[in-house]
Amino acid sequence: MATRAHHPGKRPDRRAGGPTPRPRRALPAGDGAEPNAPRGDARTGRAATRTAGRVPAPRRSTDGRTGGGGGRRRGRPRRKPRYLLWSAGTLAVLLLLGTGVLAWLYHKLDGNVQSADVDDKIGGDRPDDLAPDAETILLIGSDSREGTEGAYGDFDGMNSDTMMVVHIAENREWATVVSLPRDSWVEIPACELGNGEVSEPYFGKLNSAYSTGGMGGDVEYATACAIRTVEHNAGLRMDHFITIDFNGFSGMVDALGGVDMCLDAPIDDPKAHLKLDAGCQSLSGEEALGYVRARYSLGDGSDLSRINRQQEFMQALVAKARSSLTNPAALYDFMGAVTGSLTTDPELAGLQPLLSLATQLQDIPQDAITFMTVPNYPRELDDPTDRANVVWQYPHAELVFTAMARDERLTEEEMERAAAEQPTISPVDVRVQVLNGSGVVGQAAEAAEALRAAGFQVPFTGNSDLVDGTIIRHPEGLEDHARLLAKRVPGARLESMESETPGVLTLITGPDFAGVNGG
């Protein structure tokens, strides 16, 4: 059913592309991902050209095809700015916080914001902070059913509905906001669970990271795992986080007396507990929550289709808030709903730090804030059986995250130009000889078989002197080929060395060789 709201908003193009992570490891569970899922994913050899592993922020990947975003077409249309439900709601709240009329609310609402200290739970091996005076914030929409009395199902555990990364420049003159679809197929690294255990790495949906970390029932570990997963896949360090739950969103809408939307067609979605007539109407908090969560009965059923609807609603919500929050009672109810549903890191836990953050955002001109969805493409192109998920597209996504890490402004137009200049490399372009340097019988043959299955050309296998770790040696000029191969061989170190056979890489498997991953 194609139900469209008449509120202004940019609609997502049918296609977008995006990156996946690089060797750090991954975990269990969540929407569509089985707990303790086996390592690796079902990507084909072609996928590797588009999906490579995460690369440290300062480096730019060159392996990848230009892609689109939330659809099934294989064209290369321009991407449009989008932003997501919960995270966009939190961002709207931050912008509204800077109204100056909050002084009288300070003492009443300051203690509402919950804090969670997650730094020691994220673990080591985090990306370097290349711009210490800039601010990079992960906004998380919690899919927790707590306090909803079963109205939206009895999901057991924790889950995140959407995520967004907000980067505020060091000079506070611009900001970039990147939406991360919940259906992003990424590598989820091993995380502490709060019950003394550590989860196993796995490939799965991005939103399952929060669920994995929360298996011990602790929101701090859920948040830490979500942050660790985003950092691992993006190569970008998070300075802060903010989460908001179901009740906060619904309460925001009710505090405004509802939000007006106009629908082209009626909606009847039992899963979202939503039944609406066609035409213009005011949505209550519960109806609004159902509207922005509805998925399978609207549009093409994809998460990216839902993102566009969420954007339209958030624009309407912000417009209503700006016109309604001059009433002190409405403002108090609105801020009570918001602050009572927020959890942040200790540095942001309170009205004063949130107000300071809001002021920084307000001081940035609207045309200096860039909204975009992480470049991505349908995972169906890698795995024909997967019609639901998307994969981050190289080199586009890495260009975005690298720019944020370096505190460099990058508009979508600049990103597309830069990506167009990058060479496109796929596994079929890479020739690699595989040598056994571990002494484990049959290891080179096993690696060669897996690489051939992934689309690489493997003309020769054999033995080498023993090495202490897996190595990929490449001639000068084949750095991009080596990086593409490295994304399939976790832990391999790159060495520049001339090969006896021009144009051929050498993979030497060491005692740490753990196989070829799924891409």
Protein backbone atom coordinates (compact mmCIF):
# COMPACT_ATOMS: atom_id res chain seq x y z
CA MET A 1 0.00 0.00 0.00
CA ALA A 2 1.52 3.29 -0.99
CA THR A 3 0.54 5.67 1.76
CA ARG A 4 2.14 9.07 1.46
CA ALA A 5 2.01 11.97 3.84
CA HIS A 6 1.79 15.49 2.46
CA HIS A 7 4.36 16.94 4.80
CA PRO A 8 7.49 18.22 3.07
CA GLY A 9 10.38 15.83 3.08
CA LYS A 10 12.96 14.43 0.73
CA ARG A 11 12.23 10.93 -0.43
CA PRO A 12 14.99 8.36 -0.48
CA ASP A 13 16.29 7.25 -3.84
CA ARG A 14 15.91 3.63 -4.67
CA ARG A 15 19.51 2.75 -4.19
CA ALA A 16 22.55 3.65 -2.14
CA GLY A 17 25.77 1.98 -1.31
CA GLY A 18 27.83 1.41 1.82
CA PRO A 19 30.84 -0.18 3.51
CA THR A 20 31.15 -3.03 5.95
CA PRO A 21 33.72 -3.34 8.69
CA ARG A 22 37.21 -4.59 8.84
CA PRO A 23 38.86 -7.10 11.15
CA ARG A 24 37.65 -6.63 14.58
CA ARG A 25 35.08 -9.37 15.17
CA ALA A 26 31.35 -9.70 15.69
CA LEU A 27 28.36 -11.18 17.80
CA PRO A 28 24.78 -12.61 18.35
CA ALA A 29 21.06 -11.93 18.18
CA GLY A 30 18.51 -9.34 17.41
CA ASP A 31 15.96 -8.69 14.71
CA GLY A 32 16.49 -11.45 12.21
CA ALA A 33 19.89 -12.60 13.47
CA GLU A 34 20.25 -15.84 15.35
CA PRO A 35 22.15 -15.74 18.64
CA ASN A 36 25.59 -17.27 18.36
CA ALA A 37 25.31 -17.24 14.59
CA PRO A 38 28.31 -18.77 12.83
CA ARG A 39 31.07 -16.43 11.83
CA GLY A 40 30.95 -15.08 8.34
CA ASP A 41 28.10 -14.17 6.03
CA ALA A 42 26.74 -15.44 2.78
CA ARG A 43 28.18 -12.82 0.51
CA THR A 44 29.34 -13.99 -2.84
CA GLY A 45 32.60 -13.15 -4.54
CA ARG A 46 30.95 -10.21 -6.21
CA ALA A 47 29.99 -8.90 -2.83
CA ALA A 48 33.58 -8.49 -1.80
CA THR A 49 34.03 -5.81 -4.37
CA ARG A 50 31.28 -3.83 -2.71
CA THR A 51 31.51 -4.93 0.86
CA ALA A 52 35.00 -4.79 2.15
CA GLY A 53 35.98 -4.77 5.78
CA ARG A 54 36.36 -1.69 7.88
CA VAL A 55 39.44 0.41 7.29
CA PRO A 56 40.98 2.75 9.85
CA ALA A 57 39.56 6.21 9.50
CA PRO A 58 42.61 7.94 8.04
CA ARG A 59 42.73 5.56 5.09
CA ARG A 60 40.53 5.66 2.02
CA SER A 61 39.38 2.41 0.54
CA THR A 62 39.32 2.02 -3.21
CA ASP A 63 37.52 -1.25 -3.50
CA GLY A 64 33.89 -0.88 -4.20
CA ARG A 65 31.28 -0.14 -6.74
CA THR A 66 29.14 2.88 -6.82
CA GLY A 67 25.77 1.96 -5.49
CA GLY A 68 22.46 3.27 -4.48
CA GLY A 69 20.30 2.66 -1.45
CA GLY A 70 16.98 1.27 -0.39
CA GLY A 71 15.66 -0.51 -3.38
CA ARG A 72 16.18 -3.33 -5.84
CA ARG A 73 17.31 -1.44 -8.90
CA ARG A 74 20.93 -1.53 -9.92
CA GLY A 75 21.24 2.02 -11.20
CA ARG A 76 23.30 4.78 -9.66
CA PRO A 77 20.91 7.63 -8.83
CA ARG A 78 21.92 10.54 -6.63
CA ARG A 79 21.29 10.07 -2.95
CA LYS A 80 19.08 12.43 -0.98
CA PRO A 81 19.43 13.50 2.66
CA ARG A 82 17.40 11.43 5.11
CA TYR A 83 17.21 11.08 8.85
CA LEU A 84 15.74 8.46 11.10
CA LEU A 85 12.95 8.25 13.61
CA TRP A 86 14.26 8.03 17.13
CA SER A 87 17.59 9.64 16.43
CA ALA A 88 15.95 12.44 14.47
CA GLY A 89 13.56 12.90 17.38
CA THR A 90 16.45 13.27 19.76
CA LEU A 91 18.15 15.69 17.39
CA ALA A 92 14.96 17.73 17.18
CA VAL A 93 14.83 17.80 20.97
CA LEU A 94 18.41 19.07 21.13
CA LEU A 95 17.56 21.86 18.74
CA LEU A 96 14.45 22.76 20.73
CA LEU A 97 16.34 22.73 24.02
CA GLY A 98 18.07 25.94 23.04
CA THR A 99 14.92 28.03 23.42
CA GLY A 100 16.02 29.92 26.52
CA VAL A 101 12.67 29.38 28.29
CA LEU A 102 14.06 26.34 30.03
CA ALA A 103 15.58 28.11 33.01
CA TRP A 104 12.51 27.62 35.14
CA LEU A 105 12.44 23.91 34.26
CA TYR A 106 16.05 23.29 35.18
CA HIS A 107 15.74 22.08 38.76
CA LYS A 108 12.60 20.04 38.07
CA LEU A 109 13.91 18.20 35.04
CA ASP A 110 17.68 18.08 35.49
CA GLY A 111 17.55 14.83 37.44
CA ASN A 112 15.33 13.06 34.90
CA VAL A 113 18.15 12.15 32.51
CA GLN A 114 19.70 8.77 33.31
CA SER A 115 23.41 8.21 32.78
CA ALA A 116 25.40 5.12 31.90
CA ASP A 117 29.18 4.89 32.06
CA VAL A 118 30.19 2.60 29.20
CA ASP A 119 33.82 3.48 28.48
CA ASP A 120 35.25 0.54 30.42
CA LYS A 121 32.71 -1.82 28.82
CA ILE A 122 33.41 -0.96 25.19
CA GLY A 123 36.82 -2.58 25.37
CA GLY A 124 40.15 -1.71 23.84
CA ASP A 125 41.29 -1.36 20.26
CA ARG A 126 39.04 1.66 19.65
CA PRO A 127 39.65 4.06 16.75
CA ASP A 128 41.96 6.97 17.49
CA ASP A 129 40.36 10.31 18.30
CA LEU A 130 41.77 12.40 15.46
CA ALA A 131 39.80 15.55 16.33
CA PRO A 132 39.62 15.82 20.15
CA ASP A 133 37.81 19.18 20.11
CA ALA A 134 35.09 18.04 17.72
CA GLU A 135 32.05 16.15 19.06
CA THR A 136 30.85 12.85 17.61
CA ILE A 137 27.66 11.49 19.16
CA LEU A 138 25.83 8.20 18.61
CA LEU A 139 22.06 8.63 18.90
CA ILE A 140 20.22 5.36 19.62
CA GLY A 141 16.50 4.69 19.49
CA SER A 142 15.76 1.94 22.01
CA ASP A 143 13.13 -0.58 20.92
CA SER A 144 12.48 -1.54 24.53
CA ARG A 145 8.85 -2.48 25.30
CA GLU A 146 9.27 -1.59 28.96
CA GLY A 147 6.36 0.51 30.17
CA THR A 148 4.20 -0.16 27.09
CA GLU A 149 2.18 -2.93 28.83
CA GLY A 150 2.60 -5.26 25.87
CA ALA A 151 0.98 -2.87 23.38
CA TYR A 152 3.80 -3.41 20.88
CA GLY A 153 4.55 -7.05 21.53
CA ASP A 154 6.52 -8.83 24.19
CA PHE A 155 10.02 -8.60 22.76
CA ASP A 156 12.26 -10.31 25.28
CA GLY A 157 15.39 -8.26 25.88
CA MET A 158 16.76 -5.07 24.39
CA ASN A 159 16.91 -3.89 20.83
CA SER A 160 17.65 -0.67 18.98
CA ASP A 161 15.29 0.61 16.34
CA THR A 162 17.56 3.10 14.61
CA MET A 163 20.92 4.81 15.01
CA MET A 164 22.40 8.09 13.86
CA VAL A 165 25.89 9.58 14.11
CA VAL A 166 26.08 13.34 14.67
CA HIS A 167 29.43 15.06 14.14
CA ILE A 168 29.80 18.68 15.29
CA ALA A 169 32.91 20.32 13.86
CA GLU A 170 35.66 21.62 16.10
CA ASN A 171 35.02 25.18 14.89
CA ARG A 172 31.26 24.69 15.47
CA GLU A 173 30.54 26.10 12.02
CA TRP A 174 29.12 22.92 10.45
CA ALA A 175 27.79 19.47 11.34
CA THR A 176 27.18 16.17 9.59
CA VAL A 177 24.39 13.77 10.53
CA VAL A 178 24.59 10.22 9.16
CA SER A 179 21.70 7.78 9.56
CA LEU A 180 22.55 4.08 10.00
CA PRO A 181 19.68 1.81 8.89
CA ARG A 182 18.79 -0.89 11.41
CA ASP A 183 18.92 -3.46 8.60
CA SER A 184 22.57 -2.73 7.81
CA TRP A 185 24.38 -6.07 7.49
CA VAL A 186 27.62 -5.57 9.39
CA GLU A 187 30.24 -7.37 11.43
CA ILE A 188 29.39 -7.26 15.12
CA PRO A 189 32.47 -7.67 17.30
CA ALA A 190 32.80 -9.64 20.52
CA CYS A 191 31.18 -7.72 23.40
CA GLU A 192 31.02 -8.00 27.17
CA LEU A 193 27.53 -9.05 28.24
CA GLY A 194 27.27 -7.93 31.85
CA ASN A 195 26.94 -11.48 33.15
CA GLY A 196 30.66 -12.10 32.97
CA GLU A 197 30.53 -13.66 29.51
CA VAL A 198 31.78 -12.38 26.17
CA SER A 199 29.74 -12.87 23.01
CA GLU A 200 31.09 -14.47 19.86
CA PRO A 201 31.64 -12.32 16.75
CA TYR A 202 29.15 -12.72 13.91
CA PHE A 203 27.70 -10.98 10.87
CA GLY A 204 24.18 -9.69 11.30
CA LYS A 205 21.90 -6.67 11.43
CA LEU A 206 23.24 -3.54 13.03
CA ASN A 207 20.37 -3.33 15.51
CA SER A 208 21.23 -6.75 16.90
CA ALA A 209 24.36 -5.30 18.53
CA TYR A 210 22.26 -3.57 21.18
CA SER A 211 20.34 -6.78 21.78
CA THR A 212 23.53 -8.79 22.05
CA GLY A 213 25.13 -6.51 24.60
CA GLY A 214 21.88 -6.38 26.53
CA MET A 215 21.54 -10.17 26.92
CA GLY A 216 22.63 -9.77 30.52
CA GLY A 217 19.81 -7.26 31.07
CA ASP A 218 22.07 -4.24 31.51
CA VAL A 219 21.50 -1.15 29.34
CA GLU A 220 25.12 -0.10 29.85
CA TYR A 221 26.41 -3.25 28.15
CA ALA A 222 23.77 -2.98 25.42
CA THR A 223 24.90 0.56 24.66
CA ALA A 224 28.58 -0.35 24.86
CA CYS A 225 28.11 -3.12 22.30
CA ALA A 226 26.22 -0.79 19.96
CA ILE A 227 29.01 1.78 20.21
CA ARG A 228 31.70 -0.86 19.74
CA THR A 229 29.92 -2.15 16.63
CA VAL A 230 29.57 1.28 15.03
CA GLU A 231 33.17 2.17 15.81
CA HIS A 232 34.36 -1.17 14.49
CA ASN A 233 32.52 -0.82 11.19
CA ALA A 234 33.00 2.92 10.66
CA GLY A 235 36.52 3.41 12.05
CA LEU A 236 35.12 6.47 13.80
CA ARG A 237 35.37 7.11 17.55
CA MET A 238 32.23 8.10 19.45
CA ASP A 239 32.65 10.81 22.09
CA HIS A 240 29.11 10.59 23.51
CA PHE A 241 25.83 8.73 23.18
CA ILE A 242 22.14 9.50 23.71
CA THR A 243 19.31 6.95 23.74
CA ILE A 244 15.54 7.54 23.79
CA ASP A 245 12.83 4.89 24.23
CA PHE A 246 9.26 4.22 23.02
CA ASN A 247 7.60 6.10 25.84
CA GLY A 248 9.69 9.20 25.22
CA PHE A 249 8.60 9.45 21.61
CA SER A 250 4.92 8.85 22.35
CA GLY A 251 5.01 11.29 25.26
CA MET A 252 6.58 13.99 23.10
CA VAL A 253 3.68 13.79 20.65
CA ASP A 254 1.00 13.74 23.34
CA ALA A 255 2.59 16.73 25.07
CA LEU A 256 2.12 18.67 21.83
CA GLY A 257 -1.54 17.70 21.61
CA GLY A 258 -0.85 15.48 18.61
CA VAL A 259 0.87 16.01 15.28
CA ASP A 260 -1.03 16.67 12.04
CA MET A 261 -0.43 14.38 9.06
CA CYS A 262 -2.26 13.94 5.74
CA LEU A 263 -2.52 10.43 4.30
CA ASP A 264 -3.32 9.56 0.68
CA ALA A 265 -4.73 6.17 1.63
CA PRO A 266 -6.05 4.43 4.75
CA ILE A 267 -3.69 2.32 6.87
CA ASP A 268 -4.55 -0.94 8.57
CA ASP A 269 -1.43 -2.50 10.07
CA PRO A 270 -2.07 -5.00 12.90
CA LYS A 271 1.66 -5.42 13.59
CA ALA A 272 2.04 -1.70 14.26
CA HIS A 273 -1.34 -1.57 16.07
CA LEU A 274 -2.34 1.12 13.62
CA LYS A 275 -5.61 1.82 11.82
CA LEU A 276 -6.02 5.25 10.22
CA ASP A 277 -8.41 6.73 7.68
CA ALA A 278 -7.21 8.54 4.59
CA GLY A 279 -7.06 12.32 4.80
CA CYS A 280 -5.67 14.94 7.16
CA GLN A 281 -5.80 14.17 10.87
CA SER A 282 -4.01 14.68 14.17
CA LEU A 283 -2.06 11.62 15.34
CA SER A 284 -1.87 10.88 19.05
CA GLY A 285 1.34 9.63 20.62
CA GLU A 286 0.31 5.98 20.25
CA GLU A 287 -0.84 6.50 16.64
CA ALA A 288 2.32 8.40 15.79
CA LEU A 289 4.46 5.63 17.22
CA GLY A 290 2.59 3.07 15.13
CA TYR A 291 2.90 5.26 12.03
CA VAL A 292 6.64 5.69 12.22
CA ARG A 293 7.16 2.02 13.14
CA ALA A 294 4.84 0.58 10.48
CA ARG A 295 6.81 -1.17 7.82
CA TYR A 296 5.44 -4.21 6.02
CA SER A 297 2.07 -2.71 5.08
CA LEU A 298 3.50 0.54 3.71
CA GLY A 299 5.78 1.41 0.82
CA ASP A 300 8.02 -1.43 -0.33
CA GLY A 301 8.38 -2.84 3.19
CA SER A 302 12.03 -1.87 3.50
CA ASP A 303 13.70 -0.03 6.34
CA LEU A 304 14.82 2.68 3.92
CA SER A 305 11.23 3.23 2.82
CA ARG A 306 10.27 3.67 6.45
CA ILE A 307 13.11 6.17 6.96
CA ASN A 308 11.48 8.54 4.49
CA ARG A 309 8.14 8.35 6.31
CA GLN A 310 9.89 8.93 9.61
CA GLN A 311 11.62 11.99 8.19
CA GLU A 312 8.30 13.47 7.08
CA PHE A 313 6.80 12.91 10.50
CA MET A 314 9.77 14.39 12.32
CA GLN A 315 9.56 17.52 10.18
CA ALA A 316 5.90 17.82 11.18
CA LEU A 317 6.74 17.19 14.84
CA VAL A 318 9.43 19.88 14.90
CA ALA A 319 7.07 22.35 13.20
CA LYS A 320 4.37 21.62 15.79
CA ALA A 321 6.85 21.90 18.65
CA ARG A 322 8.08 25.30 17.49
CA SER A 323 4.52 26.62 17.38
CA SER A 324 3.27 24.94 20.57
CA LEU A 325 6.07 25.12 23.10
CA THR A 326 5.47 28.79 23.90
CA ASN A 327 2.92 27.42 26.37
CA PRO A 328 4.81 26.71 29.65
CA ALA A 329 2.59 23.76 30.56
CA ALA A 330 3.09 22.14 27.14
CA LEU A 331 6.82 22.78 27.34
CA TYR A 332 7.03 21.19 30.76
CA ASP A 333 5.10 18.09 29.62
CA PHE A 334 7.21 17.87 26.47
CA MET A 335 10.51 18.17 28.30
CA GLY A 336 9.33 15.80 31.01
CA ALA A 337 8.56 13.13 28.41
CA VAL A 338 11.89 13.68 26.71
CA THR A 339 14.22 13.86 29.68
CA GLY A 340 12.47 10.99 31.43
CA SER A 341 13.21 8.75 28.45
CA LEU A 342 16.83 9.71 27.82
CA THR A 343 19.96 7.83 28.82
CA THR A 344 23.33 9.44 28.08
CA ASP A 345 26.97 9.14 28.98
CA PRO A 346 27.83 10.89 32.29
CA GLU A 347 29.16 14.00 30.55
CA LEU A 348 25.78 14.69 28.91
CA ALA A 349 23.56 13.58 31.80
CA GLY A 350 21.73 16.77 32.73
CA LEU A 351 19.98 19.77 31.27
CA GLN A 352 23.06 21.97 31.36
CA PRO A 353 25.27 19.80 29.12
CA LEU A 354 22.32 19.03 26.84
CA LEU A 355 21.50 22.72 26.63
CA SER A 356 25.13 23.47 25.79
CA LEU A 357 25.02 20.85 23.04
CA ALA A 358 21.73 22.26 21.74
CA THR A 359 23.18 25.76 21.68
CA GLN A 360 26.11 24.58 19.60
CA LEU A 361 23.71 23.01 17.10
CA GLN A 362 21.48 26.07 17.02
CA ASP A 363 24.41 28.32 16.23
CA ILE A 364 25.19 26.33 13.08
CA PRO A 365 23.36 27.66 9.98
CA GLN A 366 20.78 25.24 8.64
CA ASP A 367 22.53 24.99 5.29
CA ALA A 368 25.76 24.00 7.09
CA ILE A 369 24.18 20.84 8.55
CA THR A 370 24.42 17.93 6.12
CA PHE A 371 21.97 15.03 6.55
CA MET A 372 22.61 11.75 4.78
CA THR A 373 22.08 8.01 5.12
CA VAL A 374 25.23 5.89 5.11
CA PRO A 375 25.78 4.86 1.47
CA ASN A 376 24.49 1.34 1.00
CA TYR A 377 23.15 -1.18 -1.50
CA PRO A 378 20.69 -4.11 -1.21
CA ARG A 379 22.32 -7.22 0.20
CA GLU A 380 20.24 -9.15 -2.28
CA LEU A 381 22.97 -8.34 -4.81
CA ASP A 382 25.35 -10.40 -2.65
CA ASP A 383 22.91 -13.01 -1.40
CA PRO A 384 19.79 -13.46 -3.59
CA THR A 385 17.94 -15.00 -0.62
CA ASP A 386 18.28 -11.81 1.44
CA ARG A 387 15.68 -9.31 0.31
CA ALA A 388 15.57 -7.39 3.60
CA ASN A 389 19.02 -6.06 4.46
CA VAL A 390 21.50 -3.54 3.09
CA VAL A 391 25.29 -3.45 3.01
CA TRP A 392 27.44 -0.34 3.44
CA GLN A 393 29.00 0.65 0.13
CA TYR A 394 32.68 1.24 -0.49
CA PRO A 395 34.30 3.63 -1.18
CA HIS A 396 31.44 6.03 -0.46
CA ALA A 397 30.83 5.13 3.18
CA GLU A 398 34.48 5.17 4.08
CA LEU A 399 34.85 8.60 2.54
CA VAL A 400 32.05 9.82 4.82
CA PHE A 401 33.46 8.31 8.01
CA THR A 402 37.03 9.29 7.19
CA ALA A 403 35.98 12.90 6.69
CA MET A 404 34.14 12.90 10.03
CA ALA A 405 37.11 11.34 11.80
CA ARG A 406 39.41 14.02 10.39
CA ASP A 407 36.89 16.78 11.11
CA GLU A 408 36.61 17.58 7.41
CA ARG A 409 33.32 18.73 5.96
CA LEU A 410 32.06 16.48 3.18
CA THR A 411 28.78 17.14 1.40
CA GLU A 412 26.98 14.43 -0.54
CA GLU A 413 28.00 16.07 -3.80
CA GLU A 414 31.67 16.09 -2.75
CA MET A 415 31.41 12.49 -1.62
CA GLU A 416 29.95 11.38 -4.94
CA ARG A 417 32.64 13.23 -6.87
CA ALA A 418 35.40 11.69 -4.75
CA ALA A 419 33.89 8.22 -5.03
CA ALA A 420 33.65 8.54 -8.80
CA GLU A 421 37.40 9.14 -8.92
CA GLN A 422 38.17 5.94 -7.02
CA PRO A 423 39.08 2.86 -9.08
CA THR A 424 36.66 -0.06 -8.92
CA ILE A 425 38.26 -3.33 -7.93
CA SER A 426 36.55 -6.69 -7.52
CA PRO A 427 37.94 -10.09 -6.43
CA VAL A 428 38.11 -11.27 -10.03
CA ASP A 429 40.72 -8.55 -10.62
CA VAL A 430 42.96 -9.89 -7.85
CA ARG A 431 45.50 -12.66 -8.46
CA VAL A 432 47.04 -14.20 -5.37
CA GLN A 433 49.34 -17.13 -4.70
CA VAL A 434 48.78 -18.82 -1.35
CA LEU A 435 51.69 -20.23 0.65
CA ASN A 436 51.55 -22.23 3.88
CA GLY A 437 53.79 -20.58 6.47
CA SER A 438 52.24 -22.20 9.53
CA GLY A 439 53.24 -25.83 9.05
CA VAL A 440 49.58 -26.92 9.35
CA VAL A 441 49.02 -29.53 6.66
CA GLY A 442 46.52 -28.51 3.98
CA GLN A 443 46.13 -24.91 5.17
CA ALA A 444 47.19 -23.29 1.90
CA ALA A 445 44.86 -25.51 -0.13
CA GLU A 446 41.97 -24.70 2.20
CA ALA A 447 42.62 -20.96 1.94
CA ALA A 448 42.94 -21.14 -1.84
CA GLU A 449 39.63 -22.98 -2.16
CA ALA A 450 37.84 -20.37 -0.04
CA LEU A 451 39.38 -17.49 -1.98
CA ARG A 452 38.40 -19.01 -5.32
CA ALA A 453 34.86 -19.43 -4.05
CA ALA A 454 34.89 -15.71 -3.22
CA GLY A 455 35.91 -14.84 -6.77
CA PHE A 456 39.67 -14.34 -6.38
CA GLN A 457 42.11 -15.81 -8.90
CA VAL A 458 44.52 -18.25 -7.20
CA PRO A 459 47.03 -19.55 -9.76
CA PHE A 460 49.40 -21.27 -7.33
CA THR A 461 49.63 -22.79 -3.83
CA GLY A 462 52.66 -24.09 -1.98
CA ASN A 463 54.76 -23.84 1.16
CA SER A 464 57.01 -21.11 2.51
CA ASP A 465 59.34 -20.63 5.44
CA LEU A 466 57.48 -20.53 8.74
CA VAL A 467 56.17 -17.09 9.75
CA ASP A 468 54.89 -15.78 13.07
CA GLY A 469 51.75 -14.22 11.61
CA THR A 470 49.68 -14.17 8.41
CA ILE A 471 51.14 -11.82 5.76
CA ILE A 472 49.89 -10.35 2.50
CA ARG A 473 52.78 -9.22 0.31
CA HIS A 474 52.06 -6.94 -2.62
CA PRO A 475 54.10 -5.27 -5.36
CA GLU A 476 54.09 -1.48 -5.58
CA GLY A 477 50.90 -0.24 -7.22
CA LEU A 478 48.72 -3.10 -5.95
CA GLU A 479 47.94 -1.63 -2.53
CA ASP A 480 44.22 -1.53 -3.29
CA HIS A 481 44.23 -5.18 -4.35
CA ALA A 482 46.01 -6.08 -1.11
CA ARG A 483 43.50 -4.16 1.00
CA LEU A 484 40.62 -5.93 -0.70
CA LEU A 485 42.23 -9.28 0.04
CA ALA A 486 42.98 -8.24 3.63
CA LYS A 487 39.28 -7.67 4.25
CA ARG A 488 38.76 -11.38 3.64
CA VAL A 489 41.71 -12.49 5.80
CA PRO A 490 41.28 -11.03 9.32
CA GLY A 491 44.50 -10.16 11.10
CA ALA A 492 46.76 -10.31 8.03
CA ARG A 493 49.43 -7.61 7.92
CA LEU A 494 50.36 -5.94 4.66
CA GLU A 495 53.93 -5.78 3.37
CA SER A 496 55.19 -4.09 0.22
CA MET A 497 57.52 -6.49 -1.59
CA GLU A 498 58.18 -7.23 -5.22
CA SER A 499 56.78 -10.51 -6.47
CA GLU A 500 58.55 -12.91 -8.78
CA THR A 501 55.31 -12.90 -10.78
CA PRO A 502 54.25 -9.36 -11.76
CA GLY A 503 50.70 -8.44 -10.80
CA VAL A 504 50.34 -11.26 -8.26
CA LEU A 505 49.90 -10.92 -4.50
CA THR A 506 51.30 -13.46 -2.02
CA LEU A 507 49.26 -14.65 0.95
CA ILE A 508 51.38 -16.50 3.54
CA THR A 509 49.22 -18.17 6.17
CA GLY A 510 50.66 -18.10 9.68
CA PRO A 511 49.75 -19.84 12.95
CA ASP A 512 47.09 -17.14 13.54
CA PHE A 513 45.30 -17.84 10.24
CA ALA A 514 41.59 -18.24 11.04
CA GLY A 515 40.24 -18.83 7.57
CA VAL A 516 38.69 -16.62 4.91
CA ASN A 517 35.65 -14.72 6.11
CA GLY A 518 32.39 -14.20 4.26
CA GLY A 519 33.18 -10.65 3.24
